[in-house]
Amino acid sequence: MPTTTPACPRSPRHLRSLALTPLLAAALLLGLGGAPVSGTAGTAGTAAPAGSPPGARTAAPAVAARAAGVALDAEPVSTVPLRVRGLWLTSAQAGKWYRWGGAGPTYFDCSGLVYYVFHARLHRYLPRTANAQRLATVRISKGYMRPGDLVFFMSRGWAYHVGVYAGYGRVWHAPRPGQRVQLSRLWTSAWVAGRVR
């Protein structure tokens, strides 16, 4: 007589994933605006619903999806705030050499780094020099700063240096000749904050 092994009780993790399955399916249905489209985009059509004339076929899934207002090949809309994307791109330039007048992608000066990240890569209007960048951004108080905002170092009402705030009193910047793009602690209190629109 063959022996059978007792069935293992399902783990709590497995049961939780089973409980989430209907919720995920409902979310997908709501996101697509209706029932999921079956088949592949490359087919000419799918079988017609019951009650249709013999030999009738429905539109291809891609066409049906477009008719329902769903774009299958559309680029996803980014929900990451601009300042956070700017911070990621700035930190990715770490270690690149300072060069006066450099605006990337290999060499940077302070305002060239900010210009490269926000203007060239994120396609937001931003002038080339630090003081012009200060005037083109939205002024925010230091208490409302968030990572990815800009820090303008001031002297006599003029911004002479700029960096991207990384949080916890640190800033990404291209300091001076002979140094590389780096993360530094704020070294003075003579600065103002701005946010790229």
Protein backbone atom coordinates (compact mmCIF):
# COMPACT_ATOMS: atom_id res chain seq x y z
CA MET A 1 0.00 0.00 0.00
CA PRO A 2 1.56 3.30 -1.01
CA THR A 3 2.29 5.74 1.74
CA THR A 4 1.21 9.32 1.43
CA THR A 5 2.82 12.24 3.08
CA PRO A 6 0.54 14.62 4.94
CA ALA A 7 -0.09 17.91 3.18
CA CYS A 8 1.94 20.78 4.57
CA PRO A 9 -0.11 23.59 5.99
CA ARG A 10 0.22 26.73 3.88
CA SER A 11 2.62 29.28 5.24
CA PRO A 12 1.25 32.64 6.42
CA ARG A 13 3.24 34.34 3.65
CA HIS A 14 1.57 32.16 0.99
CA LEU A 15 -1.89 32.83 2.44
CA ARG A 16 -1.21 36.58 2.45
CA SER A 17 -0.21 36.48 -1.20
CA LEU A 18 -3.41 34.59 -2.03
CA ALA A 19 -5.45 37.23 -0.22
CA LEU A 20 -3.80 40.00 -2.24
CA THR A 21 -4.44 38.35 -5.61
CA PRO A 22 -8.06 39.57 -5.98
CA LEU A 23 -7.02 43.07 -4.91
CA LEU A 24 -4.25 43.20 -7.50
CA ALA A 25 -6.59 41.91 -10.21
CA ALA A 26 -9.14 44.61 -9.32
CA ALA A 27 -6.44 47.28 -9.41
CA LEU A 28 -5.34 46.12 -12.84
CA LEU A 29 -8.91 46.18 -14.11
CA LEU A 30 -9.42 49.70 -12.81
CA GLY A 31 -6.09 50.82 -14.29
CA LEU A 32 -6.98 49.42 -17.72
CA GLY A 33 -10.50 50.78 -17.61
CA GLY A 34 -12.22 47.41 -17.97
CA ALA A 35 -11.56 43.77 -18.53
CA PRO A 36 -8.06 42.75 -19.60
CA VAL A 37 -7.44 42.42 -23.31
CA SER A 38 -6.59 38.85 -24.28
CA GLY A 39 -4.32 37.76 -27.10
CA THR A 40 -1.23 39.42 -28.48
CA ALA A 41 -0.82 42.72 -30.25
CA GLY A 42 0.54 41.02 -33.34
CA THR A 43 -2.61 39.00 -34.13
CA ALA A 44 -5.06 40.12 -36.77
CA GLY A 45 -8.04 39.56 -34.51
CA THR A 46 -9.64 37.30 -31.98
CA ALA A 47 -12.72 35.14 -32.08
CA ALA A 48 -15.99 37.04 -32.02
CA PRO A 49 -18.29 36.81 -29.01
CA ALA A 50 -21.10 34.23 -28.99
CA GLY A 51 -24.10 35.23 -31.10
CA SER A 52 -22.01 36.95 -33.78
CA PRO A 53 -22.32 35.96 -37.44
CA PRO A 54 -20.20 32.94 -38.43
CA GLY A 55 -16.62 33.85 -39.33
CA ALA A 56 -16.81 37.28 -37.64
CA ARG A 57 -13.73 38.43 -35.80
CA THR A 58 -13.12 41.25 -33.35
CA ALA A 59 -10.48 43.93 -33.71
CA ALA A 60 -6.90 43.13 -32.77
CA PRO A 61 -6.16 43.58 -29.04
CA ALA A 62 -3.98 46.63 -29.67
CA VAL A 63 -6.80 48.28 -31.63
CA ALA A 64 -9.32 47.32 -28.95
CA ALA A 65 -7.04 48.76 -26.28
CA ARG A 66 -6.68 52.04 -28.20
CA ALA A 67 -10.46 52.19 -28.60
CA ALA A 68 -10.80 51.78 -24.85
CA GLY A 69 -8.35 54.62 -24.28
CA VAL A 70 -5.48 52.41 -23.15
CA ALA A 71 -2.10 52.99 -24.80
CA LEU A 72 -0.12 49.77 -24.58
CA ASP A 73 3.12 51.24 -25.93
CA ALA A 74 3.05 54.56 -24.07
CA GLU A 75 5.97 55.66 -21.90
CA PRO A 76 5.15 55.43 -18.18
CA VAL A 77 4.44 58.73 -16.50
CA SER A 78 7.09 59.45 -13.89
CA THR A 79 5.73 60.08 -10.42
CA VAL A 80 9.17 60.81 -8.95
CA PRO A 81 9.46 64.53 -8.13
CA LEU A 82 11.76 66.59 -10.34
CA ARG A 83 14.04 67.50 -7.44
CA VAL A 84 14.55 63.81 -6.56
CA ARG A 85 15.41 62.93 -10.16
CA GLY A 86 17.79 65.89 -10.11
CA LEU A 87 19.44 64.58 -6.96
CA TRP A 88 19.89 61.10 -8.50
CA LEU A 89 21.44 62.55 -11.65
CA THR A 90 23.72 64.84 -9.66
CA SER A 91 24.99 62.04 -7.44
CA ALA A 92 25.67 59.99 -10.58
CA GLN A 93 28.28 62.60 -11.58
CA ALA A 94 30.34 61.97 -8.43
CA GLY A 95 34.06 61.76 -9.08
CA LYS A 96 34.08 63.76 -12.32
CA TRP A 97 36.72 66.50 -12.46
CA TYR A 98 36.11 70.19 -11.98
CA ARG A 99 36.88 72.36 -14.98
CA TRP A 100 35.97 76.06 -15.12
CA GLY A 101 33.24 76.52 -17.74
CA GLY A 102 32.55 72.77 -17.84
CA ALA A 103 28.89 71.83 -18.26
CA GLY A 104 29.25 68.07 -18.69
CA PRO A 105 29.06 65.34 -19.31
CA THR A 106 32.76 64.80 -18.46
CA TYR A 107 33.84 68.01 -16.67
CA PHE A 108 31.87 70.45 -14.53
CA ASP A 109 32.10 73.70 -12.69
CA CYS A 110 29.52 74.34 -9.95
CA SER A 111 26.80 75.93 -12.07
CA GLY A 112 27.67 73.69 -15.02
CA LEU A 113 26.81 70.65 -12.90
CA VAL A 114 23.40 72.08 -11.99
CA TYR A 115 22.82 73.23 -15.58
CA TYR A 116 23.69 69.80 -16.96
CA VAL A 117 21.37 67.96 -14.57
CA PHE A 118 18.29 70.18 -14.74
CA HIS A 119 18.56 71.82 -18.17
CA ALA A 120 20.30 69.25 -20.36
CA ARG A 121 19.02 66.03 -18.76
CA LEU A 122 15.67 66.96 -17.17
CA HIS A 123 14.73 69.57 -19.79
CA ARG A 124 13.84 72.39 -17.41
CA TYR A 125 14.84 75.93 -18.25
CA LEU A 126 17.80 77.01 -16.16
CA PRO A 127 20.46 79.60 -17.03
CA ARG A 128 24.15 78.77 -17.01
CA THR A 129 25.62 80.80 -14.12
CA ALA A 130 25.03 80.42 -10.37
CA ASN A 131 23.49 83.86 -9.79
CA ALA A 132 21.26 83.59 -12.85
CA GLN A 133 20.14 80.17 -11.64
CA ARG A 134 19.28 81.68 -8.25
CA LEU A 135 17.11 84.29 -9.94
CA ALA A 136 15.39 81.66 -12.13
CA THR A 137 14.40 79.33 -9.27
CA VAL A 138 11.61 79.63 -6.73
CA ARG A 139 12.98 80.95 -3.45
CA ILE A 140 12.16 78.71 -0.49
CA SER A 141 12.97 79.04 3.18
CA LYS A 142 15.66 76.84 4.70
CA GLY A 143 13.06 75.10 6.87
CA TYR A 144 11.18 73.87 3.80
CA MET A 145 14.17 72.55 1.90
CA ARG A 146 14.04 69.03 0.56
CA PRO A 147 16.73 66.86 -1.02
CA GLY A 148 17.19 67.92 -4.63
CA ASP A 149 16.64 71.63 -3.96
CA LEU A 150 19.45 74.02 -4.87
CA VAL A 151 21.77 75.72 -2.40
CA PHE A 152 23.19 79.10 -3.47
CA PHE A 153 26.20 80.34 -1.53
CA MET A 154 25.98 84.11 -1.16
CA SER A 155 28.36 87.05 -0.83
CA ARG A 156 27.16 90.66 -0.94
CA GLY A 157 23.80 89.68 -2.43
CA TRP A 158 25.40 87.60 -5.19
CA ALA A 159 25.44 83.81 -5.61
CA TYR A 160 29.05 82.77 -6.21
CA HIS A 161 28.57 78.99 -5.85
CA VAL A 162 25.74 76.47 -6.21
CA GLY A 163 25.13 72.86 -5.25
CA VAL A 164 22.30 70.33 -4.98
CA TYR A 165 21.05 69.66 -1.46
CA ALA A 166 21.35 66.00 -0.45
CA GLY A 167 19.74 66.24 2.99
CA TYR A 168 21.25 66.13 6.49
CA GLY A 169 23.25 69.32 5.93
CA ARG A 170 25.13 67.99 2.90
CA VAL A 171 25.38 69.22 -0.67
CA TRP A 172 26.57 67.76 -3.99
CA HIS A 173 28.78 70.23 -5.82
CA ALA A 174 31.83 70.75 -8.03
CA PRO A 175 34.08 72.63 -5.59
CA ARG A 176 37.15 74.06 -7.34
CA PRO A 177 40.02 73.26 -9.72
CA GLY A 178 41.88 70.09 -8.76
CA GLN A 179 38.83 68.56 -7.08
CA ARG A 180 36.03 66.32 -8.23
CA VAL A 181 32.24 66.42 -7.92
CA GLN A 182 31.65 65.42 -4.32
CA LEU A 183 29.31 65.37 -1.35
CA SER A 184 30.29 67.94 1.29
CA ARG A 185 28.89 69.30 4.53
CA LEU A 186 27.53 72.83 4.37
CA TRP A 187 30.47 74.96 5.49
CA THR A 188 28.75 78.32 5.98
CA SER A 189 25.36 79.75 6.91
CA ALA A 190 25.53 82.37 4.13
CA TRP A 191 23.33 80.58 1.63
CA VAL A 192 19.79 80.63 0.28
CA ALA A 193 17.66 77.85 -1.13
CA GLY A 194 15.86 77.59 -4.46
CA ARG A 195 13.69 75.03 -6.21
CA VAL A 196 13.68 74.36 -9.94
CA ARG A 197 10.19 74.76 -11.42
